[in-house]
Amino acid sequence: MAAAPALQTAIEIASPPSDEETLTLFAPEPSSKAEEVNNYIFAHPVVGLLLADSAYCASRPHLKIPPSLRPHNLTGGTLLGQDRIAVPPLAFTTSDGSRFASVQYLGPALCGHPGLIHGGLLATLLDEGLARCCFPALPNKVGVTASLKIDYRKPCKAEQYVILRAETTKVEGRKAWVKGRIETLVDETKGEVPEVLVEAEALFVEPRQAAAMQRIYSTAQ
């Protein structure tokens, strides 16, 4: 007999897939746009360099969220799919919480003005990406956004690949300061220079009750 939905979700929260396992959990339909995007990302030279860098651990962190909870998660469900964020972002995290990178494709349904990605969507990606960067450096590996400052540098075109890069600049107890940016994904091995589209600085604070907080997935490696 199958487990009741609530029990099944509890089991999935308690036993999430490993970082390595998340890399194989996404299976796009053959000949679909998602398959095209997925293949492009994994074949990109910059992604190859990140995968080969032993300082980073690669994962698709949104796939650690139990399937039953993804429809109720903004970045893990609502924003993923055809014409949106086409495939789950591919993320690279350092174990000490010092650096982070993630690669994604932004589809045409994420626009504010026709052909241009909504600034609020970019802010959401930065908020989450900068948080993921510093969480491993916090005592209980979780925090909430205390402040987020964003500077929009250039319009972000829809239907393009972007990379988010972040670094933790300071950690003091339960506080972590992070800076980052979203830029175009280009072949830097050939001397191509990415365009910085938006930059951000943020402060994250771990709640005092963090040790007792319920998690929908773990940030541990």
N, C-alpha and C. Protein backbone atom coordinates (compact mmCIF):
# COMPACT_ATOMS: atom_id res chain seq x y z
N MET A 1 0.85 -1.19 0.00
CA MET A 1 0.00 0.00 0.00
C MET A 1 0.89 1.25 0.00
N ALA A 2 0.56 2.20 -0.85
CA ALA A 2 1.34 3.42 -0.94
C ALA A 2 1.16 4.26 0.32
N ALA A 3 2.19 4.99 0.67
CA ALA A 3 2.12 5.86 1.84
C ALA A 3 1.16 7.01 1.59
N ALA A 4 0.49 7.49 2.64
CA ALA A 4 -0.38 8.66 2.52
C ALA A 4 0.45 9.84 2.05
N PRO A 5 -0.19 10.80 1.32
CA PRO A 5 0.58 11.93 0.77
C PRO A 5 1.43 12.66 1.79
N ALA A 6 0.86 12.96 2.96
CA ALA A 6 1.62 13.70 3.98
C ALA A 6 2.81 12.89 4.46
N LEU A 7 2.60 11.58 4.63
CA LEU A 7 3.69 10.72 5.09
C LEU A 7 4.77 10.62 4.02
N GLN A 8 4.35 10.50 2.76
CA GLN A 8 5.31 10.41 1.66
C GLN A 8 6.16 11.68 1.58
N THR A 9 5.51 12.84 1.75
CA THR A 9 6.25 14.10 1.73
C THR A 9 7.26 14.16 2.87
N ALA A 10 6.84 13.71 4.06
CA ALA A 10 7.74 13.70 5.21
C ALA A 10 8.95 12.80 4.96
N ILE A 11 8.70 11.67 4.32
CA ILE A 11 9.79 10.74 3.99
C ILE A 11 10.76 11.40 3.01
N GLU A 12 10.21 12.10 2.01
CA GLU A 12 11.05 12.76 1.00
C GLU A 12 11.88 13.88 1.62
N ILE A 13 11.30 14.62 2.57
CA ILE A 13 12.04 15.69 3.24
C ILE A 13 13.19 15.10 4.06
N ALA A 14 12.91 13.97 4.72
CA ALA A 14 13.92 13.35 5.58
C ALA A 14 15.03 12.67 4.79
N SER A 15 14.73 12.27 3.54
CA SER A 15 15.72 11.55 2.73
C SER A 15 15.84 12.17 1.35
N PRO A 16 16.37 13.39 1.27
CA PRO A 16 16.47 14.06 -0.03
C PRO A 16 17.56 13.41 -0.89
N PRO A 17 17.49 13.59 -2.20
CA PRO A 17 18.56 13.08 -3.06
C PRO A 17 19.86 13.83 -2.79
N SER A 18 20.96 13.19 -3.08
CA SER A 18 22.26 13.84 -2.92
C SER A 18 22.44 14.87 -4.02
N ASP A 19 23.45 15.73 -3.86
CA ASP A 19 23.75 16.70 -4.91
C ASP A 19 24.00 15.99 -6.24
N GLU A 20 24.80 14.93 -6.19
CA GLU A 20 25.12 14.19 -7.42
C GLU A 20 23.86 13.59 -8.04
N GLU A 21 22.98 13.06 -7.22
CA GLU A 21 21.75 12.45 -7.74
C GLU A 21 20.85 13.47 -8.43
N THR A 22 20.84 14.71 -7.94
CA THR A 22 19.96 15.71 -8.57
C THR A 22 20.36 15.99 -10.01
N LEU A 23 21.62 15.73 -10.36
CA LEU A 23 22.08 16.00 -11.72
C LEU A 23 21.46 15.04 -12.74
N THR A 24 20.91 13.93 -12.26
CA THR A 24 20.32 12.94 -13.17
C THR A 24 18.80 12.87 -13.07
N LEU A 25 18.20 13.68 -12.20
CA LEU A 25 16.76 13.57 -11.96
C LEU A 25 15.91 14.26 -13.01
N PHE A 26 16.48 15.23 -13.73
CA PHE A 26 15.71 15.95 -14.74
C PHE A 26 15.82 15.22 -16.07
N ALA A 27 14.67 14.81 -16.61
CA ALA A 27 14.65 14.07 -17.87
C ALA A 27 13.70 14.76 -18.84
N PRO A 28 14.19 15.68 -19.66
CA PRO A 28 13.33 16.40 -20.61
C PRO A 28 12.81 15.49 -21.71
N GLU A 29 11.68 15.89 -22.27
CA GLU A 29 11.12 15.13 -23.39
C GLU A 29 12.08 15.17 -24.57
N PRO A 30 12.24 14.05 -25.27
CA PRO A 30 13.12 14.04 -26.45
C PRO A 30 12.69 15.07 -27.48
N SER A 31 13.66 15.74 -28.08
CA SER A 31 13.44 16.73 -29.14
C SER A 31 12.68 17.96 -28.67
N SER A 32 12.58 18.16 -27.37
CA SER A 32 11.88 19.33 -26.82
C SER A 32 12.84 20.49 -26.65
N LYS A 33 12.27 21.69 -26.43
CA LYS A 33 13.09 22.86 -26.13
C LYS A 33 13.91 22.63 -24.86
N ALA A 34 13.28 21.98 -23.89
CA ALA A 34 13.98 21.72 -22.63
C ALA A 34 15.21 20.83 -22.85
N GLU A 35 15.09 19.85 -23.73
CA GLU A 35 16.24 18.99 -24.02
C GLU A 35 17.34 19.80 -24.70
N GLU A 36 16.95 20.66 -25.63
CA GLU A 36 17.92 21.52 -26.32
C GLU A 36 18.66 22.40 -25.33
N VAL A 37 17.92 23.02 -24.42
CA VAL A 37 18.53 23.90 -23.42
C VAL A 37 19.44 23.10 -22.49
N ASN A 38 18.96 21.97 -22.04
CA ASN A 38 19.74 21.13 -21.13
C ASN A 38 21.07 20.70 -21.75
N ASN A 39 21.01 20.27 -23.00
CA ASN A 39 22.23 19.84 -23.69
C ASN A 39 23.20 21.00 -23.88
N TYR A 40 22.65 22.17 -24.21
CA TYR A 40 23.50 23.35 -24.42
C TYR A 40 24.24 23.71 -23.14
N ILE A 41 23.52 23.70 -22.03
CA ILE A 41 24.13 24.07 -20.75
C ILE A 41 25.28 23.13 -20.40
N PHE A 42 25.04 21.83 -20.49
CA PHE A 42 26.08 20.88 -20.09
C PHE A 42 27.26 20.85 -21.05
N ALA A 43 27.03 21.29 -22.30
CA ALA A 43 28.12 21.31 -23.28
C ALA A 43 28.88 22.63 -23.29
N HIS A 44 28.41 23.62 -22.53
CA HIS A 44 29.04 24.94 -22.59
C HIS A 44 30.42 24.92 -21.92
N PRO A 45 31.41 25.57 -22.53
CA PRO A 45 32.77 25.56 -21.97
C PRO A 45 32.86 26.09 -20.53
N VAL A 46 32.11 27.13 -20.21
CA VAL A 46 32.16 27.67 -18.84
C VAL A 46 31.62 26.65 -17.85
N VAL A 47 30.55 25.97 -18.22
CA VAL A 47 30.00 24.92 -17.35
C VAL A 47 31.02 23.79 -17.21
N GLY A 48 31.69 23.45 -18.30
CA GLY A 48 32.72 22.42 -18.22
C GLY A 48 33.82 22.77 -17.24
N LEU A 49 34.23 24.03 -17.23
CA LEU A 49 35.26 24.47 -16.28
C LEU A 49 34.77 24.38 -14.84
N LEU A 50 33.52 24.75 -14.62
CA LEU A 50 32.96 24.68 -13.27
C LEU A 50 32.82 23.23 -12.80
N LEU A 51 32.39 22.35 -13.71
CA LEU A 51 32.26 20.94 -13.36
C LEU A 51 33.61 20.31 -13.03
N ALA A 52 34.66 20.81 -13.67
CA ALA A 52 36.00 20.26 -13.46
C ALA A 52 36.71 20.87 -12.25
N ASP A 53 36.15 21.92 -11.69
CA ASP A 53 36.77 22.63 -10.57
C ASP A 53 36.41 21.92 -9.26
N SER A 54 37.39 21.34 -8.61
CA SER A 54 37.13 20.56 -7.39
C SER A 54 36.66 21.42 -6.22
N ALA A 55 36.79 22.74 -6.34
CA ALA A 55 36.32 23.62 -5.27
C ALA A 55 34.80 23.69 -5.22
N TYR A 56 34.16 23.33 -6.33
CA TYR A 56 32.70 23.44 -6.42
C TYR A 56 32.03 22.07 -6.36
N CYS A 57 30.83 22.07 -5.82
CA CYS A 57 29.95 20.90 -5.87
C CYS A 57 28.77 21.26 -6.75
N ALA A 58 28.53 20.48 -7.80
CA ALA A 58 27.45 20.76 -8.73
C ALA A 58 26.16 20.08 -8.28
N SER A 59 25.04 20.75 -8.52
CA SER A 59 23.74 20.16 -8.18
C SER A 59 22.63 20.91 -8.88
N ARG A 60 21.45 20.32 -8.83
CA ARG A 60 20.22 21.03 -9.19
C ARG A 60 19.39 21.10 -7.91
N PRO A 61 19.64 22.12 -7.08
CA PRO A 61 19.08 22.15 -5.73
C PRO A 61 17.56 22.13 -5.67
N HIS A 62 16.90 22.68 -6.70
CA HIS A 62 15.44 22.69 -6.67
C HIS A 62 14.85 21.29 -6.73
N LEU A 63 15.63 20.33 -7.24
CA LEU A 63 15.14 18.96 -7.33
C LEU A 63 15.26 18.22 -6.00
N LYS A 64 15.79 18.89 -4.97
CA LYS A 64 15.75 18.34 -3.62
C LYS A 64 14.41 18.62 -2.94
N ILE A 65 13.66 19.55 -3.49
CA ILE A 65 12.34 19.85 -2.95
C ILE A 65 11.41 18.68 -3.29
N PRO A 66 10.68 18.12 -2.33
CA PRO A 66 9.78 17.01 -2.63
C PRO A 66 8.81 17.38 -3.76
N PRO A 67 8.58 16.48 -4.71
CA PRO A 67 7.70 16.77 -5.84
C PRO A 67 6.34 17.33 -5.44
N SER A 68 5.78 16.86 -4.33
CA SER A 68 4.46 17.33 -3.91
C SER A 68 4.46 18.78 -3.46
N LEU A 69 5.64 19.31 -3.11
CA LEU A 69 5.74 20.69 -2.64
C LEU A 69 6.17 21.66 -3.74
N ARG A 70 6.68 21.16 -4.85
CA ARG A 70 7.19 22.05 -5.89
C ARG A 70 6.13 22.97 -6.49
N PRO A 71 4.88 22.53 -6.69
CA PRO A 71 3.88 23.45 -7.24
C PRO A 71 3.63 24.67 -6.36
N HIS A 72 4.02 24.60 -5.09
CA HIS A 72 3.80 25.70 -4.14
C HIS A 72 5.09 26.46 -3.86
N ASN A 73 6.13 26.21 -4.64
CA ASN A 73 7.42 26.87 -4.46
C ASN A 73 7.69 27.75 -5.66
N LEU A 74 7.99 29.03 -5.43
CA LEU A 74 8.13 29.98 -6.53
C LEU A 74 9.24 29.59 -7.49
N THR A 75 10.47 29.46 -6.99
CA THR A 75 11.59 29.19 -7.89
C THR A 75 11.74 27.71 -8.21
N GLY A 76 11.18 26.85 -7.38
CA GLY A 76 11.28 25.42 -7.62
C GLY A 76 10.12 24.84 -8.38
N GLY A 77 9.09 25.65 -8.65
CA GLY A 77 7.93 25.13 -9.35
C GLY A 77 7.27 26.15 -10.26
N THR A 78 6.76 27.23 -9.69
CA THR A 78 5.99 28.22 -10.45
C THR A 78 6.76 28.79 -11.62
N LEU A 79 8.03 29.10 -11.42
CA LEU A 79 8.83 29.77 -12.46
C LEU A 79 9.52 28.80 -13.41
N LEU A 80 9.44 27.50 -13.12
CA LEU A 80 10.10 26.52 -13.98
C LEU A 80 9.14 26.00 -15.04
N GLY A 81 9.65 25.76 -16.24
CA GLY A 81 8.82 25.15 -17.28
C GLY A 81 8.94 25.84 -18.62
N GLN A 82 8.17 25.36 -19.56
CA GLN A 82 8.22 25.87 -20.92
C GLN A 82 7.96 27.37 -20.96
N ASP A 83 8.79 28.09 -21.71
CA ASP A 83 8.73 29.55 -21.89
C ASP A 83 9.08 30.33 -20.62
N ARG A 84 9.44 29.62 -19.55
CA ARG A 84 9.86 30.29 -18.32
C ARG A 84 11.34 29.94 -18.08
N ILE A 85 11.71 29.52 -16.91
CA ILE A 85 13.05 28.98 -16.70
C ILE A 85 12.98 27.55 -17.20
N ALA A 86 13.54 27.32 -18.38
CA ALA A 86 13.23 26.11 -19.15
C ALA A 86 13.64 24.81 -18.46
N VAL A 87 14.75 24.84 -17.74
CA VAL A 87 15.23 23.64 -17.03
C VAL A 87 15.67 24.07 -15.64
N PRO A 88 15.67 23.15 -14.67
CA PRO A 88 16.12 23.53 -13.33
C PRO A 88 17.53 24.10 -13.37
N PRO A 89 17.77 25.25 -12.74
CA PRO A 89 19.11 25.85 -12.77
C PRO A 89 20.18 24.88 -12.30
N LEU A 90 21.32 24.94 -12.96
CA LEU A 90 22.48 24.14 -12.58
C LEU A 90 23.36 24.99 -11.68
N ALA A 91 23.55 24.55 -10.44
CA ALA A 91 24.22 25.36 -9.44
C ALA A 91 25.56 24.76 -9.03
N PHE A 92 26.47 25.65 -8.64
CA PHE A 92 27.80 25.25 -8.19
C PHE A 92 28.09 25.97 -6.87
N THR A 93 28.32 25.19 -5.81
CA THR A 93 28.49 25.74 -4.47
C THR A 93 29.81 25.28 -3.86
N THR A 94 30.46 26.16 -3.12
CA THR A 94 31.65 25.76 -2.36
C THR A 94 31.22 25.35 -0.96
N SER A 95 31.93 24.38 -0.39
CA SER A 95 31.54 23.85 0.91
C SER A 95 31.65 24.87 2.04
N ASP A 96 32.52 25.87 1.85
CA ASP A 96 32.69 26.88 2.91
C ASP A 96 31.78 28.09 2.73
N GLY A 97 30.93 28.08 1.70
CA GLY A 97 30.01 29.19 1.49
C GLY A 97 30.66 30.45 0.97
N SER A 98 31.81 30.32 0.33
CA SER A 98 32.52 31.51 -0.14
C SER A 98 32.10 31.95 -1.54
N ARG A 99 31.75 30.99 -2.40
CA ARG A 99 31.42 31.33 -3.79
C ARG A 99 30.26 30.48 -4.28
N PHE A 100 29.62 30.98 -5.34
CA PHE A 100 28.45 30.29 -5.89
C PHE A 100 28.29 30.72 -7.34
N ALA A 101 27.78 29.81 -8.16
CA ALA A 101 27.42 30.15 -9.54
C ALA A 101 26.22 29.31 -9.93
N SER A 102 25.38 29.83 -10.81
CA SER A 102 24.28 29.04 -11.35
C SER A 102 23.99 29.50 -12.77
N VAL A 103 23.60 28.53 -13.59
CA VAL A 103 23.34 28.77 -15.00
C VAL A 103 21.88 28.47 -15.29
N GLN A 104 21.24 29.36 -16.04
CA GLN A 104 19.84 29.15 -16.40
C GLN A 104 19.50 29.80 -17.73
N TYR A 105 18.40 29.33 -18.29
CA TYR A 105 17.87 29.88 -19.54
C TYR A 105 16.56 30.57 -19.22
N LEU A 106 16.42 31.83 -19.64
CA LEU A 106 15.24 32.63 -19.31
C LEU A 106 14.34 32.76 -20.53
N GLY A 107 13.15 32.21 -20.43
CA GLY A 107 12.23 32.16 -21.56
C GLY A 107 11.36 33.39 -21.72
N PRO A 108 10.55 33.43 -22.79
CA PRO A 108 9.79 34.62 -23.16
C PRO A 108 8.59 34.93 -22.27
N ALA A 109 8.21 34.01 -21.39
CA ALA A 109 7.07 34.26 -20.50
C ALA A 109 7.47 34.98 -19.21
N LEU A 110 8.73 35.39 -19.12
CA LEU A 110 9.23 36.03 -17.91
C LEU A 110 9.46 37.52 -18.10
N CYS A 111 8.83 38.09 -19.11
CA CYS A 111 9.10 39.48 -19.49
C CYS A 111 8.26 40.49 -18.72
N GLY A 112 8.81 41.69 -18.58
CA GLY A 112 8.05 42.85 -18.14
C GLY A 112 7.61 43.61 -19.37
N HIS A 113 8.58 44.05 -20.17
CA HIS A 113 8.33 44.60 -21.50
C HIS A 113 8.60 43.50 -22.52
N PRO A 114 7.95 43.56 -23.68
CA PRO A 114 8.15 42.51 -24.69
C PRO A 114 9.63 42.29 -25.00
N GLY A 115 10.06 41.06 -24.84
CA GLY A 115 11.43 40.71 -25.17
C GLY A 115 12.46 40.99 -24.09
N LEU A 116 12.03 41.60 -22.98
CA LEU A 116 12.96 41.94 -21.90
C LEU A 116 12.50 41.31 -20.58
N ILE A 117 13.40 40.60 -19.93
CA ILE A 117 13.06 39.91 -18.69
C ILE A 117 12.68 40.92 -17.60
N HIS A 118 11.65 40.59 -16.85
CA HIS A 118 11.16 41.46 -15.78
C HIS A 118 12.23 41.64 -14.70
N GLY A 119 12.42 42.89 -14.28
CA GLY A 119 13.42 43.17 -13.25
C GLY A 119 13.14 42.46 -11.94
N GLY A 120 11.87 42.24 -11.64
CA GLY A 120 11.53 41.53 -10.41
C GLY A 120 11.97 40.08 -10.44
N LEU A 121 11.93 39.48 -11.63
CA LEU A 121 12.41 38.10 -11.77
C LEU A 121 13.91 38.04 -11.52
N LEU A 122 14.64 39.01 -12.07
CA LEU A 122 16.09 39.05 -11.84
C LEU A 122 16.40 39.26 -10.36
N ALA A 123 15.61 40.10 -9.69
CA ALA A 123 15.80 40.32 -8.26
C ALA A 123 15.57 39.03 -7.47
N THR A 124 14.56 38.27 -7.88
CA THR A 124 14.27 37.00 -7.21
C THR A 124 15.43 36.03 -7.36
N LEU A 125 15.97 35.94 -8.58
CA LEU A 125 17.10 35.05 -8.82
C LEU A 125 18.31 35.46 -7.98
N LEU A 126 18.56 36.76 -7.89
CA LEU A 126 19.69 37.23 -7.09
C LEU A 126 19.48 36.99 -5.60
N ASP A 127 18.27 37.23 -5.13
CA ASP A 127 17.97 37.00 -3.72
C ASP A 127 18.26 35.54 -3.36
N GLU A 128 17.78 34.64 -4.18
CA GLU A 128 17.98 33.22 -3.90
C GLU A 128 19.44 32.81 -4.12
N GLY A 129 20.04 33.28 -5.20
CA GLY A 129 21.41 32.89 -5.50
C GLY A 129 22.41 33.37 -4.46
N LEU A 130 22.28 34.61 -4.03
CA LEU A 130 23.18 35.13 -3.01
C LEU A 130 22.98 34.41 -1.68
N ALA A 131 21.73 34.04 -1.40
CA ALA A 131 21.45 33.27 -0.19
C ALA A 131 22.12 31.90 -0.25
N ARG A 132 21.97 31.23 -1.38
CA ARG A 132 22.58 29.91 -1.52
C ARG A 132 24.10 29.99 -1.38
N CYS A 133 24.67 31.09 -1.80
CA CYS A 133 26.11 31.27 -1.70
C CYS A 133 26.58 31.19 -0.25
N CYS A 134 25.93 31.94 0.63
CA CYS A 134 26.44 32.09 2.00
C CYS A 134 25.90 31.08 3.00
N PHE A 135 24.80 30.39 2.68
CA PHE A 135 24.19 29.50 3.68
C PHE A 135 25.18 28.49 4.28
N PRO A 136 26.07 27.87 3.48
CA PRO A 136 27.01 26.92 4.10
C PRO A 136 27.93 27.55 5.14
N ALA A 137 28.08 28.87 5.10
CA ALA A 137 28.97 29.56 6.05
C ALA A 137 28.27 29.91 7.36
N LEU A 138 26.95 29.78 7.41
CA LEU A 138 26.20 30.13 8.62
C LEU A 138 26.14 28.93 9.57
N PRO A 139 26.00 29.17 10.86
CA PRO A 139 26.05 28.08 11.85
C PRO A 139 25.07 26.94 11.57
N ASN A 140 23.84 27.27 11.18
CA ASN A 140 22.83 26.25 10.91
C ASN A 140 22.43 26.19 9.44
N LYS A 141 23.26 26.77 8.59
CA LYS A 141 23.13 26.66 7.12
C LYS A 141 21.83 27.22 6.57
N VAL A 142 21.28 28.23 7.21
CA VAL A 142 20.05 28.85 6.72
C VAL A 142 19.99 30.29 7.21
N GLY A 143 19.35 31.16 6.43
CA GLY A 143 19.19 32.55 6.82
C GLY A 143 18.03 33.18 6.09
N VAL A 144 17.71 34.39 6.47
CA VAL A 144 16.65 35.15 5.80
C VAL A 144 17.25 36.46 5.31
N THR A 145 16.64 37.03 4.29
CA THR A 145 17.15 38.26 3.70
C THR A 145 16.84 39.44 4.61
N ALA A 146 17.88 40.14 5.05
CA ALA A 146 17.70 41.35 5.84
C ALA A 146 17.71 42.59 4.96
N SER A 147 18.54 42.56 3.92
CA SER A 147 18.57 43.67 2.96
C SER A 147 19.06 43.15 1.62
N LEU A 148 18.59 43.80 0.56
CA LEU A 148 18.99 43.43 -0.80
C LEU A 148 19.02 44.70 -1.64
N LYS A 149 20.20 45.08 -2.11
CA LYS A 149 20.37 46.26 -2.94
C LYS A 149 20.71 45.81 -4.35
N ILE A 150 19.97 46.33 -5.32
CA ILE A 150 20.12 45.89 -6.71
C ILE A 150 20.40 47.08 -7.61
N ASP A 151 21.35 46.91 -8.51
CA ASP A 151 21.66 47.90 -9.54
C ASP A 151 21.50 47.24 -10.91
N TYR A 152 20.54 47.74 -11.68
CA TYR A 152 20.31 47.21 -13.02
C TYR A 152 21.24 47.92 -14.00
N ARG A 153 22.09 47.16 -14.68
CA ARG A 153 23.10 47.74 -15.56
C ARG A 153 22.67 47.77 -17.02
N LYS A 154 22.12 46.67 -17.51
CA LYS A 154 21.69 46.59 -18.90
C LYS A 154 20.41 45.77 -18.98
N PRO A 155 19.57 46.02 -19.99
CA PRO A 155 18.37 45.20 -20.15
C PRO A 155 18.75 43.74 -20.36
N CYS A 156 17.98 42.86 -19.77
CA CYS A 156 18.21 41.42 -19.92
C CYS A 156 17.24 40.88 -20.96
N LYS A 157 17.75 40.44 -22.07
CA LYS A 157 16.90 39.94 -23.15
C LYS A 157 16.33 38.57 -22.80
N ALA A 158 15.11 38.33 -23.24
CA ALA A 158 14.50 37.01 -23.07
C ALA A 158 15.13 36.02 -24.03
N GLU A 159 14.91 34.76 -23.75
CA GLU A 159 15.40 33.65 -24.58
C GLU A 159 16.93 33.67 -24.70
N GLN A 160 17.57 33.83 -23.54
CA GLN A 160 19.03 33.76 -23.53
C GLN A 160 19.51 33.04 -22.27
N TYR A 161 20.74 32.59 -22.33
CA TYR A 161 21.38 31.91 -21.21
C TYR A 161 22.12 32.95 -20.37
N VAL A 162 22.00 32.81 -19.05
CA VAL A 162 22.70 33.72 -18.15
C VAL A 162 23.38 32.91 -17.06
N ILE A 163 24.36 33.53 -16.43
CA ILE A 163 25.03 32.92 -15.30
C ILE A 163 25.02 33.90 -14.13
N LEU A 164 24.67 33.40 -12.98
CA LEU A 164 24.70 34.19 -11.74
C LEU A 164 25.96 33.80 -10.99
N ARG A 165 26.74 34.78 -10.60
CA ARG A 165 27.95 34.54 -9.82
C ARG A 165 27.85 35.33 -8.51
N ALA A 166 28.26 34.71 -7.41
CA ALA A 166 28.18 35.38 -6.11
C ALA A 166 29.38 35.00 -5.25
N GLU A 167 29.70 35.87 -4.31
CA GLU A 167 30.75 35.57 -3.33
C GLU A 167 30.39 36.19 -1.99
N THR A 168 30.68 35.47 -0.95
CA THR A 168 30.46 35.95 0.41
C THR A 168 31.64 36.82 0.81
N THR A 169 31.35 38.04 1.20
CA THR A 169 32.43 38.99 1.51
C THR A 169 32.75 39.07 3.00
N LYS A 170 31.79 38.71 3.85
CA LYS A 170 32.04 38.77 5.30
C LYS A 170 31.02 37.91 6.03
N VAL A 171 31.47 37.25 7.08
CA VAL A 171 30.58 36.48 7.96
C VAL A 171 30.91 36.84 9.40
N GLU A 172 29.87 37.20 10.14
CA GLU A 172 30.02 37.50 11.57
C GLU A 172 28.90 36.80 12.32
N GLY A 173 29.21 35.69 12.96
CA GLY A 173 28.20 34.96 13.70
C GLY A 173 27.04 34.52 12.82
N ARG A 174 25.86 35.07 13.09
CA ARG A 174 24.66 34.69 12.33
C ARG A 174 24.44 35.58 11.11
N LYS A 175 25.37 36.46 10.79
CA LYS A 175 25.20 37.39 9.67
C LYS A 175 26.21 37.08 8.56
N ALA A 176 25.74 37.24 7.32
CA ALA A 176 26.62 37.05 6.16
C ALA A 176 26.31 38.11 5.12
N TRP A 177 27.38 38.71 4.59
CA TRP A 177 27.25 39.71 3.54
C TRP A 177 27.72 39.09 2.22
N VAL A 178 26.94 39.32 1.17
CA VAL A 178 27.22 38.68 -0.11
C VAL A 178 27.04 39.70 -1.23
N LYS A 179 27.87 39.58 -2.26
CA LYS A 179 27.67 40.37 -3.47
C LYS A 179 27.62 39.43 -4.66
N GLY A 180 26.93 39.86 -5.72
CA GLY A 180 26.82 39.00 -6.89
C GLY A 180 26.30 39.74 -8.09
N ARG A 181 26.18 39.01 -9.17
CA ARG A 181 25.74 39.62 -10.43
C ARG A 181 25.15 38.54 -11.33
N ILE A 182 24.33 38.99 -12.27
CA ILE A 182 23.87 38.14 -13.36
C ILE A 182 24.48 38.70 -14.63
N GLU A 183 25.08 37.83 -15.41
CA GLU A 183 25.72 38.25 -16.66
C GLU A 183 25.41 37.27 -17.77
N THR A 184 25.64 37.68 -19.00
CA THR A 184 25.40 36.80 -20.13
C THR A 184 26.39 35.64 -20.09
N LEU A 185 25.92 34.48 -20.54
CA LEU A 185 26.77 33.30 -20.60
C LEU A 185 27.46 33.26 -21.96
N VAL A 186 28.75 33.48 -21.97
CA VAL A 186 29.53 33.50 -23.22
C VAL A 186 30.70 32.53 -23.08
N ASP A 187 31.39 32.30 -24.18
CA ASP A 187 32.54 31.40 -24.17
C ASP A 187 33.79 32.18 -23.78
N GLU A 188 34.03 32.26 -22.49
CA GLU A 188 35.19 33.01 -22.00
C GLU A 188 36.51 32.34 -22.37
N THR A 189 36.47 31.05 -22.72
CA THR A 189 37.70 30.37 -23.13
C THR A 189 38.20 30.88 -24.47
N LYS A 190 37.32 31.56 -25.21
CA LYS A 190 37.70 32.15 -26.50
C LYS A 190 37.89 33.66 -26.40
N GLY A 191 37.95 34.16 -25.17
CA GLY A 191 38.17 35.58 -24.98
C GLY A 191 36.91 36.42 -25.02
N GLU A 192 35.74 35.79 -25.12
CA GLU A 192 34.50 36.55 -25.13
C GLU A 192 34.26 37.13 -23.74
N VAL A 193 33.76 38.35 -23.70
CA VAL A 193 33.55 39.06 -22.43
C VAL A 193 32.06 39.13 -22.12
N PRO A 194 31.63 38.62 -20.97
CA PRO A 194 30.21 38.67 -20.63
C PRO A 194 29.75 40.08 -20.33
N GLU A 195 28.48 40.34 -20.60
CA GLU A 195 27.86 41.61 -20.23
C GLU A 195 27.23 41.48 -18.85
N VAL A 196 27.57 42.38 -17.95
CA VAL A 196 26.94 42.39 -16.63
C VAL A 196 25.57 43.05 -16.77
N LEU A 197 24.52 42.32 -16.42
CA LEU A 197 23.16 42.79 -16.59
C LEU A 197 22.60 43.43 -15.33
N VAL A 198 22.93 42.85 -14.19
CA VAL A 198 22.42 43.36 -12.92
C VAL A 198 23.37 42.92 -11.81
N GLU A 199 23.58 43.80 -10.84
CA GLU A 199 24.45 43.51 -9.70
C GLU A 199 23.66 43.67 -8.40
N ALA A 200 24.13 42.99 -7.36
CA ALA A 200 23.41 43.07 -6.09
C ALA A 200 24.36 42.88 -4.91
N GLU A 201 23.96 43.44 -3.78
CA GLU A 201 24.61 43.22 -2.50
C GLU A 201 23.52 42.88 -1.49
N ALA A 202 23.80 41.95 -0.60
CA ALA A 202 22.76 41.52 0.33
C ALA A 202 23.35 41.17 1.69
N LEU A 203 22.49 41.27 2.69
CA LEU A 203 22.81 40.83 4.04
C LEU A 203 21.80 39.75 4.43
N PHE A 204 22.31 38.61 4.88
CA PHE A 204 21.44 37.52 5.34
C PHE A 204 21.71 37.27 6.81
N VAL A 205 20.64 37.00 7.55
CA VAL A 205 20.74 36.77 8.99
C VAL A 205 20.10 35.43 9.32
N GLU A 206 20.82 34.62 10.04
CA GLU A 206 20.25 33.34 10.48
C GLU A 206 19.33 33.59 11.67
N PRO A 207 18.07 33.14 11.62
CA PRO A 207 17.17 33.32 12.76
C PRO A 207 17.71 32.62 14.01
N ARG A 208 17.38 33.17 15.16
CA ARG A 208 17.86 32.58 16.41
C ARG A 208 17.33 31.16 16.58
N GLN A 209 16.13 30.90 16.03
CA GLN A 209 15.53 29.58 16.17
C GLN A 209 15.87 28.67 14.99
N ALA A 210 16.92 28.98 14.25
CA ALA A 210 17.24 28.26 13.01
C ALA A 210 17.40 26.76 13.22
N ALA A 211 17.98 26.38 14.34
CA ALA A 211 18.23 24.95 14.57
C ALA A 211 16.94 24.15 14.62
N ALA A 212 15.83 24.80 14.97
CA ALA A 212 14.56 24.10 15.09
C ALA A 212 13.65 24.31 13.89
N MET A 213 14.10 25.09 12.90
CA MET A 213 13.25 25.38 11.74
C MET A 213 13.07 24.16 10.86
N GLN A 214 11.84 24.00 10.34
CA GLN A 214 11.59 22.92 9.39
C GLN A 214 12.20 23.28 8.04
N ARG A 215 12.85 22.34 7.39
CA ARG A 215 13.45 22.56 6.08
C ARG A 215 12.72 21.70 5.04
N ILE A 216 12.53 22.27 3.85
CA ILE A 216 11.97 21.44 2.78
C ILE A 216 13.07 20.73 2.01
N TYR A 217 14.30 21.15 2.22
CA TYR A 217 15.46 20.43 1.71
C TYR A 217 16.68 20.91 2.47
N SER A 218 17.72 20.12 2.46
CA SER A 218 18.93 20.46 3.20
C SER A 218 19.93 21.15 2.30
N THR A 219 20.69 22.09 2.87
CA THR A 219 21.76 22.74 2.11
C THR A 219 23.09 22.03 2.31
N ALA A 220 23.09 20.98 3.11
CA ALA A 220 24.33 20.24 3.33
C ALA A 220 24.72 19.49 2.07
N GLN A 221 26.02 19.25 1.91
CA GLN A 221 26.53 18.57 0.73
C GLN A 221 26.16 17.10 0.77
